[in-house]
Amino acid sequence: MLVVQIFLPLALGLVMFGLGLTLTTDDFARVAKYPKAAIIALVCQVVVLPAVCLGLVLAFGLKGVLAVGMMLLVASPGGTSANLFSHLAGGDVALNITLTAINSVLAVFTLPLVVGLSMAHFMADSAEVGLQPAKFVQVFAIVLVPVAIGMLVRRRFEAWSLRMNDPVRIASVVVLVLVIIAAIAQAYQQLIDNIGTLGPVALLLSIFSLLIGYYVPKAFNIERKQAIASAMEIGIHNATIAITLALTVLNDETMAIPPAVYGVLMYLPAAVAARLLSRKKAAV
């Protein structure tokens, strides 16, 4: 469909461009100020969560493209709303921005790898799709190029970029909603057939992501504000990226359903976590 092949990549490009407007090269360099917190969060994001997601997929008996769809989601970087939830919960938003910047680059390499391995396990006949060089280039173009353009615009036109932060953020939320609606509409019957399984898996993944993101750093004596930032960055995956890649790069409507379900459900655990953490902060 024309809408899927053209509109969705453009929509995601807007979201990633908006992310780029919030980033500077200092955000990448800032990791040197708290390398321990950043490294722990990134290890949780890139290594621990895919393992947890794989366990949930196997435990609930997801197979084929639905299983790959969940793995595609968990391999996606943090969502653009992670910074907002971190702010509401009293987290270190500067660390969020740094993690988002690094994750956006890492995802270009880790996402095709996770998807390729997932296809090799769950879709043996199509295992080569996830690792084709052309697909890798498409992931690079969709995920990283708009971020780089946004950063360049931020550097050249800083005042305008700062003014556009809120409008672009609002537009990003609208785009997320539209992308999720489009994904659900395209594979409505598959959603109805699998919602009983996908709902619990998506909710549990969201809850486990938040718990791991908070308590693992705390176990390594990371300060509370940075642990909150880690929890929100790890606990809020970018469903828009996963849905767009499923529909445009991998050309599979059913594969977009798991991230679409997650995109709807993830805000409930995130909101509860932000509320609890903010109350705990007030008590302290």
Protein backbone atom coordinates (compact mmCIF):
# COMPACT_ATOMS: atom_id res chain seq x y z
CA MET A 1 0.00 0.00 0.00
CA LEU A 2 1.14 3.53 -0.82
CA VAL A 3 0.33 4.75 2.68
CA VAL A 4 2.49 2.06 4.26
CA GLN A 5 5.42 2.36 1.88
CA ILE A 6 5.59 6.18 1.85
CA PHE A 7 3.65 7.71 4.75
CA LEU A 8 4.96 5.48 7.57
CA PRO A 9 8.67 6.00 6.79
CA LEU A 10 8.03 9.74 6.49
CA ALA A 11 6.13 9.73 9.77
CA LEU A 12 8.91 7.88 11.55
CA GLY A 13 11.40 10.23 9.90
CA LEU A 14 9.55 13.14 11.55
CA VAL A 15 9.76 11.44 14.94
CA MET A 16 13.48 10.72 14.58
CA PHE A 17 14.13 14.22 13.18
CA GLY A 18 12.40 15.63 16.26
CA LEU A 19 14.66 13.47 18.41
CA GLY A 20 17.68 14.86 16.57
CA LEU A 21 16.53 18.41 17.33
CA THR A 22 16.93 17.63 21.04
CA LEU A 23 20.45 16.20 20.70
CA THR A 24 23.92 17.70 20.47
CA THR A 25 27.36 16.11 20.28
CA ASP A 26 27.70 16.94 23.97
CA ASP A 27 24.98 14.37 24.68
CA PHE A 28 27.27 11.64 23.36
CA ALA A 29 30.30 13.01 25.18
CA ARG A 30 28.40 13.38 28.44
CA VAL A 31 28.52 9.61 28.97
CA ALA A 32 32.08 10.14 30.24
CA LYS A 33 30.60 11.89 33.28
CA TYR A 34 28.71 8.80 34.39
CA PRO A 35 30.04 5.84 32.41
CA LYS A 36 28.93 3.25 34.96
CA ALA A 37 25.25 4.22 34.83
CA ALA A 38 25.26 4.42 31.03
CA ILE A 39 27.05 1.10 30.53
CA ILE A 40 24.73 -0.76 32.92
CA ALA A 41 21.64 0.71 31.26
CA LEU A 42 22.93 -0.13 27.77
CA VAL A 43 23.78 -3.71 28.76
CA CYS A 44 20.26 -4.11 30.16
CA GLN A 45 18.79 -2.66 26.96
CA VAL A 46 20.89 -4.60 24.44
CA VAL A 47 21.52 -7.92 26.22
CA VAL A 48 19.22 -8.51 29.21
CA LEU A 49 15.89 -7.39 27.73
CA PRO A 50 16.12 -9.44 24.53
CA ALA A 51 16.80 -12.47 26.72
CA VAL A 52 13.79 -11.65 28.93
CA CYS A 53 11.59 -11.08 25.87
CA LEU A 54 12.71 -14.38 24.36
CA GLY A 55 11.76 -16.11 27.62
CA LEU A 56 8.29 -14.54 27.53
CA VAL A 57 7.83 -15.48 23.86
CA LEU A 58 8.71 -19.10 24.60
CA ALA A 59 6.69 -19.21 27.83
CA PHE A 60 3.52 -17.96 26.08
CA GLY A 61 4.08 -20.10 23.00
CA LEU A 62 4.33 -17.30 20.44
CA LYS A 63 5.49 -18.58 17.07
CA GLY A 64 6.52 -17.34 13.64
CA VAL A 65 6.05 -13.68 12.77
CA LEU A 66 4.39 -12.85 16.10
CA ALA A 67 7.47 -14.05 17.96
CA VAL A 68 9.73 -12.09 15.63
CA GLY A 69 7.49 -9.03 16.08
CA MET A 70 8.06 -9.09 19.84
CA MET A 71 11.81 -9.47 19.36
CA LEU A 72 11.77 -6.60 16.83
CA LEU A 73 10.08 -4.44 19.44
CA VAL A 74 12.51 -5.25 22.24
CA ALA A 75 15.45 -4.54 19.94
CA SER A 76 14.14 -1.05 19.19
CA PRO A 77 15.66 1.87 21.13
CA GLY A 78 13.86 3.80 23.85
CA GLY A 79 10.75 5.76 22.97
CA THR A 80 10.72 9.54 22.61
CA SER A 81 8.38 9.83 25.60
CA ALA A 82 10.95 8.29 27.97
CA ASN A 83 12.37 11.75 28.72
CA LEU A 84 8.95 13.04 29.75
CA PHE A 85 8.22 10.11 32.06
CA SER A 86 11.71 10.41 33.55
CA HIS A 87 11.10 14.09 34.27
CA LEU A 88 7.75 13.34 35.92
CA ALA A 89 9.33 10.62 38.06
CA GLY A 90 12.27 12.78 39.14
CA GLY A 91 14.90 11.09 37.00
CA ASP A 92 18.13 12.38 35.50
CA VAL A 93 16.80 13.60 32.15
CA ALA A 94 20.33 14.42 30.93
CA LEU A 95 21.17 10.72 31.26
CA ASN A 96 17.98 9.88 29.34
CA ILE A 97 19.04 12.13 26.50
CA THR A 98 22.50 10.55 26.47
CA LEU A 99 21.10 7.01 26.46
CA THR A 100 18.64 7.89 23.69
CA ALA A 101 21.45 9.30 21.57
CA ILE A 102 23.64 6.23 22.01
CA ASN A 103 20.75 3.78 21.63
CA SER A 104 19.72 5.39 18.34
CA VAL A 105 23.17 4.63 16.93
CA LEU A 106 23.47 1.16 18.46
CA ALA A 107 20.05 0.13 17.16
CA VAL A 108 21.27 0.43 13.57
CA PHE A 109 23.56 -2.54 14.29
CA THR A 110 21.78 -4.47 17.04
CA LEU A 111 18.28 -4.36 15.54
CA PRO A 112 19.09 -6.25 12.31
CA LEU A 113 21.13 -8.75 14.34
CA VAL A 114 18.31 -9.51 16.81
CA VAL A 115 15.74 -9.71 14.02
CA GLY A 116 17.97 -11.94 11.92
CA LEU A 117 18.62 -14.35 14.80
CA SER A 118 14.92 -14.33 15.69
CA MET A 119 13.95 -15.20 12.13
CA ALA A 120 16.55 -17.96 12.07
CA HIS A 121 14.86 -19.48 15.13
CA PHE A 122 11.17 -18.78 14.55
CA MET A 123 10.97 -18.47 10.76
CA ALA A 124 13.63 -20.76 9.34
CA ASP A 125 12.42 -20.38 5.75
CA SER A 126 12.82 -16.58 5.89
CA ALA A 127 15.85 -16.32 8.15
CA GLU A 128 17.92 -14.47 5.58
CA VAL A 129 15.52 -11.49 5.52
CA GLY A 130 16.76 -10.00 8.77
CA LEU A 131 20.41 -9.94 7.72
CA GLN A 132 20.24 -8.89 4.07
CA PRO A 133 22.58 -5.94 3.41
CA ALA A 134 19.77 -4.01 1.69
CA LYS A 135 17.57 -4.37 4.79
CA PHE A 136 20.42 -3.18 6.98
CA VAL A 137 20.79 -0.06 4.82
CA GLN A 138 17.05 0.60 5.10
CA VAL A 139 17.23 0.37 8.91
CA PHE A 140 20.14 2.79 8.84
CA ALA A 141 18.24 5.22 6.61
CA ILE A 142 15.02 5.08 8.66
CA VAL A 143 16.55 5.20 12.14
CA LEU A 144 19.78 7.18 12.00
CA VAL A 145 19.71 9.55 9.03
CA PRO A 146 16.76 11.69 10.30
CA VAL A 147 18.43 11.92 13.72
CA ALA A 148 21.65 13.14 12.10
CA ILE A 149 19.73 15.73 10.05
CA GLY A 150 17.92 16.92 13.17
CA MET A 151 21.23 17.29 15.02
CA LEU A 152 22.68 19.27 12.11
CA VAL A 153 19.67 21.59 12.10
CA ARG A 154 19.98 21.99 15.89
CA ARG A 155 23.61 22.98 15.47
CA ARG A 156 22.95 25.51 12.69
CA PHE A 157 19.63 26.92 13.95
CA GLU A 158 19.65 26.38 17.71
CA ALA A 159 17.08 29.02 18.63
CA TRP A 160 14.56 27.69 16.08
CA SER A 161 15.23 24.09 17.20
CA LEU A 162 14.53 24.94 20.82
CA ARG A 163 11.27 26.66 19.87
CA MET A 164 10.23 23.60 17.87
CA ASN A 165 10.87 21.08 20.68
CA ASP A 166 7.33 21.11 22.06
CA PRO A 167 5.48 21.20 18.71
CA VAL A 168 7.61 18.36 17.33
CA ARG A 169 7.13 16.33 20.51
CA ILE A 170 3.35 16.75 20.23
CA ALA A 171 3.52 15.81 16.56
CA SER A 172 5.53 12.73 17.50
CA VAL A 173 2.80 11.58 19.88
CA VAL A 174 0.18 12.10 17.17
CA VAL A 175 2.30 10.16 14.70
CA LEU A 176 2.71 7.32 17.19
CA VAL A 177 -1.05 7.06 17.62
CA LEU A 178 -1.66 7.15 13.86
CA VAL A 179 0.99 4.51 13.19
CA ILE A 180 -0.49 2.19 15.82
CA ILE A 181 -3.99 2.68 14.40
CA ALA A 182 -2.70 1.96 10.89
CA ALA A 183 -0.95 -1.20 12.04
CA ILE A 184 -4.01 -2.46 13.90
CA ALA A 185 -6.31 -1.65 10.97
CA GLN A 186 -4.10 -3.54 8.52
CA ALA A 187 -3.97 -6.70 10.58
CA TYR A 188 -7.19 -6.44 12.58
CA GLN A 189 -8.14 -10.11 12.33
CA GLN A 190 -4.70 -11.28 13.41
CA LEU A 191 -4.96 -8.91 16.37
CA ILE A 192 -8.34 -10.34 17.40
CA ASP A 193 -7.03 -13.88 17.04
CA ASN A 194 -3.93 -13.26 19.16
CA ILE A 195 -4.82 -10.48 21.61
CA GLY A 196 -5.32 -12.96 24.45
CA THR A 197 -1.66 -13.96 24.22
CA LEU A 198 -0.09 -10.73 22.97
CA GLY A 199 -1.67 -8.56 25.69
CA PRO A 200 -0.11 -10.38 28.66
CA VAL A 201 3.26 -10.68 26.90
CA ALA A 202 3.31 -6.95 26.07
CA LEU A 203 2.27 -5.96 29.59
CA LEU A 204 4.79 -8.26 31.25
CA LEU A 205 7.56 -7.06 28.96
CA SER A 206 6.75 -3.47 29.89
CA ILE A 207 6.68 -4.25 33.62
CA PHE A 208 9.88 -6.33 33.53
CA SER A 209 11.63 -3.63 31.48
CA LEU A 210 10.81 -0.98 34.08
CA LEU A 211 11.82 -3.22 36.99
CA ILE A 212 15.09 -4.27 35.37
CA GLY A 213 15.85 -0.72 34.32
CA TYR A 214 15.46 0.52 37.90
CA TYR A 215 16.67 -2.27 40.17
CA VAL A 216 19.70 -3.50 38.23
CA PRO A 217 21.39 -0.06 38.37
CA LYS A 218 20.38 0.23 42.04
CA ALA A 219 22.06 -3.13 42.69
CA PHE A 220 25.28 -1.61 41.33
CA ASN A 221 24.95 1.43 43.64
CA ILE A 222 23.85 3.82 40.90
CA GLU A 223 22.18 6.89 42.39
CA ARG A 224 18.40 6.99 42.42
CA LYS A 225 17.86 9.73 39.80
CA GLN A 226 20.01 7.86 37.31
CA ALA A 227 18.24 4.57 38.11
CA ILE A 228 14.90 6.25 37.35
CA ALA A 229 16.28 7.56 34.05
CA SER A 230 17.47 4.06 33.20
CA ALA A 231 14.09 2.56 34.07
CA MET A 232 12.20 4.92 31.78
CA GLU A 233 14.68 4.63 28.93
CA ILE A 234 14.64 0.84 29.07
CA GLY A 235 10.97 0.50 29.96
CA ILE A 236 9.55 2.56 27.08
CA HIS A 237 10.47 1.04 23.73
CA ASN A 238 9.95 2.86 20.45
CA ALA A 239 6.94 1.02 19.07
CA THR A 240 6.84 3.40 16.11
CA ILE A 241 10.21 2.16 14.84
CA ALA A 242 9.23 -1.48 15.27
CA ILE A 243 5.88 -1.05 13.49
CA THR A 244 7.38 0.94 10.62
CA LEU A 245 10.20 -1.55 10.07
CA ALA A 246 7.75 -4.45 10.16
CA LEU A 247 5.45 -2.85 7.57
CA THR A 248 7.98 -1.23 5.25
CA VAL A 249 11.32 -3.04 5.54
CA LEU A 250 10.14 -6.55 6.39
CA ASN A 251 6.80 -6.19 4.56
CA ASP A 252 4.78 -8.14 7.10
CA GLU A 253 1.54 -6.77 8.55
CA THR A 254 1.24 -9.49 11.19
CA MET A 255 4.73 -8.73 12.50
CA ALA A 256 3.57 -5.19 13.29
CA ILE A 257 0.83 -6.37 15.64
CA PRO A 258 2.98 -7.17 18.74
CA PRO A 259 4.62 -3.71 18.80
CA ALA A 260 1.22 -2.12 18.12
CA VAL A 261 -0.28 -3.89 21.14
CA TYR A 262 2.73 -2.92 23.22
CA GLY A 263 2.48 0.70 22.01
CA VAL A 264 -1.05 0.88 23.43
CA LEU A 265 -0.38 -0.90 26.72
CA MET A 266 3.08 0.37 27.69
CA TYR A 267 1.87 3.71 29.00
CA LEU A 268 -0.09 2.16 31.87
CA PRO A 269 2.91 0.54 33.64
CA ALA A 270 5.05 3.58 32.79
CA ALA A 271 2.50 5.97 34.31
CA VAL A 272 2.15 3.83 37.43
CA ALA A 273 5.94 3.61 37.80
CA ALA A 274 6.34 7.37 37.35
CA ARG A 275 3.65 8.01 39.96
CA LEU A 276 5.16 5.61 42.51
CA LEU A 277 8.69 6.90 42.00
CA SER A 278 7.62 10.53 42.24
CA ARG A 279 5.74 9.80 45.49
CA LYS A 280 8.78 8.03 46.88
CA LYS A 281 10.87 11.06 45.98
CA ALA A 282 8.42 13.34 47.81
CA ALA A 283 8.55 11.09 50.85
CA VAL A 284 12.33 11.31 50.89
